[in-house]
Amino acid sequence: MDISILFKMAAIGIIVTVICQILKKSERDDIATLVSIVGLVIVLTIVVSMVGDLFAEMTNIFGLAG
């Protein structure tokens, strides 16, 4: 696992937080909620990809390939 992936996820979180705060101050709560959901989906996509790579590596290590 590369540390840059964690920095990317943190950057996405910071950007989403700033955008949500700006939208909430301008009384656009519905769009702020949508932005936070999109940010969550992006980060979860990255995490699911990493978990898939982990399982593939474990099958290679333990020789469980069918």
C-alpha atoms as a PDB file:
ATOM      1  CA  MET A   1       0.000   0.000   0.000  1.00  0.00           C
ATOM      2  CA  ASP A   2       1.309   3.363  -0.955  1.00  0.00           C
ATOM      3  CA  ILE A   3       0.997   6.288   1.448  1.00  0.00           C
ATOM      4  CA  SER A   4      -0.071   8.568  -1.403  1.00  0.00           C
ATOM      5  CA  ILE A   5      -3.452   6.803  -1.497  1.00  0.00           C
ATOM      6  CA  LEU A   6      -4.107   7.901   2.074  1.00  0.00           C
ATOM      7  CA  PHE A   7      -3.137  11.459   1.177  1.00  0.00           C
ATOM      8  CA  LYS A   8      -5.518  11.363  -1.789  1.00  0.00           C
ATOM      9  CA  MET A   9      -8.378  10.210   0.435  1.00  0.00           C
ATOM     10  CA  ALA A  10      -7.575  12.925   2.971  1.00  0.00           C
ATOM     11  CA  ALA A  11      -7.473  15.543   0.207  1.00  0.00           C
ATOM     12  CA  ILE A  12     -10.864  14.394  -1.069  1.00  0.00           C
ATOM     13  CA  GLY A  13     -12.252  14.679   2.456  1.00  0.00           C
ATOM     14  CA  ILE A  14     -10.876  18.189   2.924  1.00  0.00           C
ATOM     15  CA  ILE A  15     -12.170  19.376  -0.444  1.00  0.00           C
ATOM     16  CA  VAL A  16     -15.624  17.900   0.185  1.00  0.00           C
ATOM     17  CA  THR A  17     -15.750  19.498   3.638  1.00  0.00           C
ATOM     18  CA  VAL A  18     -14.850  22.930   2.288  1.00  0.00           C
ATOM     19  CA  ILE A  19     -17.388  22.692  -0.530  1.00  0.00           C
ATOM     20  CA  CYS A  20     -20.097  21.523   1.877  1.00  0.00           C
ATOM     21  CA  GLN A  21     -19.415  24.405   4.270  1.00  0.00           C
ATOM     22  CA  ILE A  22     -19.599  26.928   1.435  1.00  0.00           C
ATOM     23  CA  LEU A  23     -22.852  25.417   0.173  1.00  0.00           C
ATOM     24  CA  LYS A  24     -24.393  25.342   3.654  1.00  0.00           C
ATOM     25  CA  LYS A  25     -23.526  29.008   4.214  1.00  0.00           C
ATOM     26  CA  SER A  26     -25.299  29.851   0.963  1.00  0.00           C
ATOM     27  CA  GLU A  27     -28.343  27.825   2.076  1.00  0.00           C
ATOM     28  CA  ARG A  28     -27.883  25.027  -0.449  1.00  0.00           C
ATOM     29  CA  ASP A  29     -28.180  22.149   2.003  1.00  0.00           C
ATOM     30  CA  ASP A  30     -29.541  19.714  -0.576  1.00  0.00           C
ATOM     31  CA  ILE A  31     -26.564  20.174  -2.885  1.00  0.00           C
ATOM     32  CA  ALA A  32     -24.176  19.998   0.101  1.00  0.00           C
ATOM     33  CA  THR A  33     -25.640  16.620   1.010  1.00  0.00           C
ATOM     34  CA  LEU A  34     -25.242  15.436  -2.573  1.00  0.00           C
ATOM     35  CA  VAL A  35     -21.596  16.570  -2.625  1.00  0.00           C
ATOM     36  CA  SER A  36     -20.861  14.698   0.590  1.00  0.00           C
ATOM     37  CA  ILE A  37     -22.474  11.524  -0.782  1.00  0.00           C
ATOM     38  CA  VAL A  38     -20.423  11.791  -3.980  1.00  0.00           C
ATOM     39  CA  GLY A  39     -17.241  12.232  -1.942  1.00  0.00           C
ATOM     40  CA  LEU A  40     -18.112   9.182   0.118  1.00  0.00           C
ATOM     41  CA  VAL A  41     -18.741   7.105  -3.008  1.00  0.00           C
ATOM     42  CA  ILE A  42     -15.384   8.154  -4.477  1.00  0.00           C
ATOM     43  CA  VAL A  43     -13.489   7.182  -1.328  1.00  0.00           C
ATOM     44  CA  LEU A  44     -15.395   3.898  -0.989  1.00  0.00           C
ATOM     45  CA  THR A  45     -14.533   3.062  -4.601  1.00  0.00           C
ATOM     46  CA  ILE A  46     -10.853   3.515  -3.788  1.00  0.00           C
ATOM     47  CA  VAL A  47     -11.169   1.375  -0.648  1.00  0.00           C
ATOM     48  CA  VAL A  48     -13.047  -1.432  -2.437  1.00  0.00           C
ATOM     49  CA  SER A  49     -10.367  -1.486  -5.119  1.00  0.00           C
ATOM     50  CA  MET A  50      -7.672  -1.773  -2.449  1.00  0.00           C
ATOM     51  CA  VAL A  51      -9.529  -4.604  -0.681  1.00  0.00           C
ATOM     52  CA  GLY A  52      -9.845  -6.454  -3.996  1.00  0.00           C
ATOM     53  CA  ASP A  53      -6.106  -6.108  -4.542  1.00  0.00           C
ATOM     54  CA  LEU A  54      -5.511  -7.396  -1.004  1.00  0.00           C
ATOM     55  CA  PHE A  55      -7.612 -10.522  -1.596  1.00  0.00           C
ATOM     56  CA  ALA A  56      -5.879 -11.168  -4.924  1.00  0.00           C
ATOM     57  CA  GLU A  57      -2.479 -10.869  -3.255  1.00  0.00           C
ATOM     58  CA  MET A  58      -3.535 -13.223  -0.453  1.00  0.00           C
ATOM     59  CA  THR A  59      -4.697 -15.871  -2.912  1.00  0.00           C
ATOM     60  CA  ASN A  60      -1.352 -15.610  -4.692  1.00  0.00           C
ATOM     61  CA  ILE A  61       0.617 -15.868  -1.447  1.00  0.00           C
ATOM     62  CA  PHE A  62      -1.245 -18.876  -0.089  1.00  0.00           C
ATOM     63  CA  GLY A  63      -1.713 -20.581  -3.447  1.00  0.00           C
ATOM     64  CA  LEU A  64      -5.505 -20.669  -3.277  1.00  0.00           C
ATOM     65  CA  ALA A  65      -6.042 -19.992  -6.982  1.00  0.00           C
ATOM     66  CA  GLY A  66      -8.629 -22.337  -8.383  1.00  0.00           C
END
